[in-house]
Amino acid sequence: MISDSIEQIRARVARQAEIVKASHHSFSEEVDEMWKWVKISLIIMLPLCALSSLKDILFGEDHSAHHQDGPLPDYMKIRNKAFPWECENCDLFDMACWKKCKADMAAEG
């Protein structure tokens, strides 16, 4: 069994050596092939990026139409526990809520 395994490994190594010898390229050929694909990539990528940017500039959507001013619906304000800062019900960057909370705290105290 061990001799069979060794024989299979030797056959695989010999086959791999044949493949390497058949497909060997010189270093300069490899560099030329690399630069060919770099040039092809740039020729395709640069116009594609320019056209994509131009499309976004000219035909971009106005994303402000998706933003709602005013209070959020109840399902958007679910709290499992209070926030760990002085205005427990305000999100960290919800400045309108912070101002209202500070004003309520000043009126109470």
Protein backbone atom coordinates (compact mmCIF):
# COMPACT_ATOMS: atom_id res chain seq x y z
CA MET A 1 0.00 0.00 0.00
CA ILE A 2 2.82 2.40 0.80
CA SER A 3 4.59 1.52 -2.44
CA ASP A 4 1.36 2.30 -4.37
CA SER A 5 1.09 5.70 -2.67
CA ILE A 6 4.71 6.51 -3.42
CA GLU A 7 4.24 5.44 -7.04
CA GLN A 8 1.18 7.72 -7.39
CA ILE A 9 3.08 10.66 -5.91
CA ARG A 10 6.01 10.09 -8.30
CA ALA A 11 3.60 9.92 -11.26
CA ARG A 12 1.94 13.20 -10.18
CA VAL A 13 5.31 14.92 -9.75
CA ALA A 14 6.45 13.71 -13.17
CA ARG A 15 3.20 14.94 -14.78
CA GLN A 16 3.56 18.34 -13.10
CA ALA A 17 7.15 18.60 -14.34
CA GLU A 18 5.94 17.93 -17.90
CA ILE A 19 3.29 20.65 -17.58
CA VAL A 20 5.82 23.17 -16.28
CA LYS A 21 8.27 22.41 -19.09
CA ALA A 22 5.53 22.72 -21.72
CA SER A 23 4.22 26.06 -20.47
CA HIS A 24 7.43 27.78 -19.40
CA HIS A 25 7.78 31.41 -20.45
CA SER A 26 10.77 33.65 -20.02
CA PHE A 27 10.71 36.50 -17.53
CA SER A 28 10.49 39.12 -20.28
CA GLU A 29 7.49 37.33 -21.84
CA GLU A 30 5.75 37.32 -18.47
CA VAL A 31 6.41 41.05 -18.00
CA ASP A 32 5.15 41.81 -21.51
CA GLU A 33 1.96 39.83 -20.82
CA MET A 34 1.47 41.68 -17.52
CA TRP A 35 1.79 45.11 -19.17
CA LYS A 36 -0.56 44.04 -21.97
CA TRP A 37 -3.29 43.33 -19.39
CA VAL A 38 -2.53 46.51 -17.45
CA LYS A 39 -3.03 48.53 -20.64
CA ILE A 40 -6.22 46.65 -21.56
CA SER A 41 -7.59 47.21 -18.06
CA LEU A 42 -6.84 50.93 -18.16
CA ILE A 43 -8.30 51.35 -21.64
CA ILE A 44 -11.54 49.80 -20.42
CA MET A 45 -11.60 51.15 -16.85
CA LEU A 46 -10.90 54.85 -17.37
CA PRO A 47 -13.70 55.55 -19.90
CA LEU A 48 -16.08 53.40 -17.87
CA CYS A 49 -15.35 55.37 -14.69
CA ALA A 50 -15.62 58.69 -16.53
CA LEU A 51 -18.96 57.75 -18.10
CA SER A 52 -20.29 56.42 -14.80
CA SER A 53 -19.32 59.64 -13.00
CA LEU A 54 -20.85 61.74 -15.74
CA LYS A 55 -24.09 59.75 -15.55
CA ASP A 56 -24.25 60.23 -11.77
CA ILE A 57 -23.64 63.97 -12.11
CA LEU A 58 -26.16 64.53 -14.89
CA PHE A 59 -28.88 62.04 -14.01
CA GLY A 60 -28.36 61.58 -10.27
CA GLU A 61 -31.45 61.29 -8.12
CA ASP A 62 -32.32 63.87 -5.53
CA HIS A 63 -32.02 61.79 -2.37
CA SER A 64 -33.56 64.47 -0.21
CA ALA A 65 -36.98 63.35 -1.45
CA HIS A 66 -36.55 60.15 0.59
CA HIS A 67 -35.84 61.97 3.85
CA GLN A 68 -38.82 62.85 6.01
CA ASP A 69 -38.77 65.87 8.25
CA GLY A 70 -40.73 65.59 11.43
CA PRO A 71 -41.20 62.91 14.04
CA LEU A 72 -40.40 59.32 13.23
CA PRO A 73 -43.12 56.68 13.29
CA ASP A 74 -43.44 54.64 16.49
CA TYR A 75 -41.85 51.54 14.98
CA MET A 76 -38.67 53.55 14.29
CA LYS A 77 -38.26 54.57 17.96
CA ILE A 78 -38.25 51.16 19.68
CA ARG A 79 -36.05 51.23 22.81
CA ASN A 80 -35.14 48.09 24.72
CA LYS A 81 -33.27 50.18 27.27
CA ALA A 82 -32.45 53.84 27.78
CA PHE A 83 -29.33 55.38 26.27
CA PRO A 84 -26.47 55.85 28.76
CA TRP A 85 -26.35 59.67 28.58
CA GLU A 86 -28.32 62.41 30.26
CA CYS A 87 -31.04 62.61 27.59
CA GLU A 88 -32.00 58.95 27.69
CA ASN A 89 -34.51 59.04 24.86
CA CYS A 90 -32.40 60.98 22.32
CA ASP A 91 -30.22 59.38 19.66
CA LEU A 92 -26.60 60.49 19.81
CA PHE A 93 -26.79 62.80 16.78
CA ASP A 94 -30.47 63.82 16.99
CA MET A 95 -29.79 67.49 17.70
CA ALA A 96 -33.44 68.56 17.68
CA CYS A 97 -34.21 66.02 20.42
CA TRP A 98 -31.15 67.13 22.41
CA LYS A 99 -32.20 70.79 22.26
CA LYS A 100 -35.72 69.93 23.40
CA CYS A 101 -34.36 67.72 26.20
CA LYS A 102 -31.95 70.44 27.39
CA ALA A 103 -34.73 73.02 27.30
CA ASP A 104 -37.01 70.72 29.34
CA MET A 105 -34.22 70.08 31.86
CA ALA A 106 -33.55 73.84 32.20
CA ALA A 107 -37.25 74.53 32.69
CA GLU A 108 -37.48 71.88 35.44
CA GLY A 109 -34.33 72.77 37.30
